[in-house]
Amino acid sequence: MKTYVLVWHGWIGDDRLKRQTILDEIDKMPSVRNWMASTEAIFIHSDRDESILSEELRSRMPRLEFIISAIDLDTSEGRTDRKTWDFIGRIKTG
């Protein structure tokens, strides 16, 4: 199981993006075990790799422009709240 960060910046050909649409689709993805949304990103727990998650996102939302990447407490740095760091680190114990 890994933690991934998903960031997006719009729909191809249309600047109107509804964040809730993305959350609703992620909720339906069988490869997603758990997720947590912040203002600018969605953190995902999955036992699948980036290519599988990316393929599933593209099939559900073909016009979404996004990047998905694995993150880990050992190799990630930044500034965010404790709740987010705890979510990222939660899978290290299991």
Protein backbone atom coordinates (compact mmCIF):
# COMPACT_ATOMS: atom_id res chain seq x y z
CA MET A 1 0.00 0.00 0.00
CA LYS A 2 1.25 3.47 -0.91
CA THR A 3 0.12 7.04 -0.50
CA TYR A 4 -0.26 9.15 -3.64
CA VAL A 5 -0.89 12.82 -4.19
CA LEU A 6 -3.23 13.86 -6.99
CA VAL A 7 -3.13 17.43 -8.26
CA TRP A 8 -5.11 18.81 -11.18
CA HIS A 9 -5.56 22.10 -12.97
CA GLY A 10 -8.64 21.80 -15.11
CA TRP A 11 -10.44 20.04 -17.88
CA ILE A 12 -8.91 19.95 -21.32
CA GLY A 13 -10.72 22.55 -23.40
CA ASP A 14 -12.78 23.91 -20.51
CA ASP A 15 -11.64 25.93 -17.49
CA ARG A 16 -14.67 25.05 -15.38
CA LEU A 17 -13.69 22.35 -12.92
CA LYS A 18 -15.82 21.02 -10.11
CA ARG A 19 -13.67 19.54 -7.36
CA GLN A 20 -16.63 17.52 -6.10
CA THR A 21 -16.84 15.73 -9.46
CA ILE A 22 -13.31 14.44 -8.97
CA LEU A 23 -14.03 13.38 -5.38
CA ASP A 24 -17.20 11.58 -6.47
CA GLU A 25 -15.27 9.61 -9.12
CA ILE A 26 -12.40 8.75 -6.75
CA ASP A 27 -15.00 7.43 -4.31
CA LYS A 28 -16.11 4.93 -7.00
CA MET A 29 -12.61 3.70 -7.92
CA PRO A 30 -12.04 0.12 -6.69
CA SER A 31 -8.26 0.69 -6.61
CA VAL A 32 -8.61 3.49 -4.02
CA ARG A 33 -8.67 2.18 -0.44
CA ASN A 34 -8.98 5.57 1.28
CA TRP A 35 -8.57 9.23 0.39
CA MET A 36 -8.33 12.64 2.02
CA ALA A 37 -8.94 15.92 0.22
CA SER A 38 -7.14 19.13 1.02
CA THR A 39 -7.69 22.47 -0.65
CA GLU A 40 -5.17 21.92 -3.44
CA ALA A 41 -4.69 18.15 -3.63
CA ILE A 42 -6.20 14.76 -2.93
CA PHE A 43 -4.18 12.17 -1.01
CA ILE A 44 -4.94 8.56 -1.90
CA HIS A 45 -4.08 5.21 -0.31
CA SER A 46 -3.90 2.38 -2.82
CA ASP A 47 -2.16 -0.94 -3.38
CA ARG A 48 -1.97 -0.15 -7.12
CA ASP A 49 0.82 1.77 -8.84
CA GLU A 50 0.66 5.19 -10.48
CA SER A 51 0.04 3.82 -13.96
CA ILE A 52 -3.05 1.87 -12.86
CA LEU A 53 -4.46 4.82 -10.93
CA SER A 54 -3.74 7.17 -13.82
CA GLU A 55 -5.40 4.84 -16.31
CA GLU A 56 -8.48 4.54 -14.12
CA LEU A 57 -8.69 8.33 -13.67
CA ARG A 58 -8.33 8.89 -17.44
CA SER A 59 -11.08 6.37 -18.19
CA ARG A 60 -13.45 8.00 -15.68
CA MET A 61 -12.57 11.62 -16.50
CA PRO A 62 -10.92 11.70 -19.94
CA ARG A 63 -10.65 15.50 -20.06
CA LEU A 64 -9.08 15.95 -16.61
CA GLU A 65 -5.51 17.30 -16.59
CA PHE A 66 -3.66 15.87 -13.58
CA ILE A 67 -0.50 14.45 -12.06
CA ILE A 68 -0.47 11.55 -9.62
CA SER A 69 2.67 10.63 -7.75
CA ALA A 70 3.66 8.39 -4.84
CA ILE A 71 4.72 10.16 -1.67
CA ASP A 72 6.41 8.90 1.46
CA LEU A 73 7.30 10.47 4.80
CA ASP A 74 10.92 9.37 4.32
CA THR A 75 11.32 11.23 1.03
CA SER A 76 8.79 14.06 1.20
CA GLU A 77 9.18 17.51 2.62
CA GLY A 78 6.85 20.43 2.87
CA ARG A 79 4.55 22.34 5.11
CA THR A 80 1.04 21.14 5.86
CA ASP A 81 -1.14 20.36 8.84
CA ARG A 82 -0.63 17.40 11.19
CA LYS A 83 -3.80 15.67 9.89
CA THR A 84 -2.30 15.46 6.39
CA TRP A 85 1.08 14.16 7.61
CA ASP A 86 -0.75 11.59 9.74
CA PHE A 87 -2.76 10.41 6.71
CA ILE A 88 0.41 10.11 4.61
CA GLY A 89 2.16 8.15 7.35
CA ARG A 90 -0.77 5.95 8.35
CA ILE A 91 0.11 3.13 5.97
CA LYS A 92 3.69 2.84 7.31
CA THR A 93 2.32 0.92 10.30
CA GLY A 94 0.14 -1.42 8.28
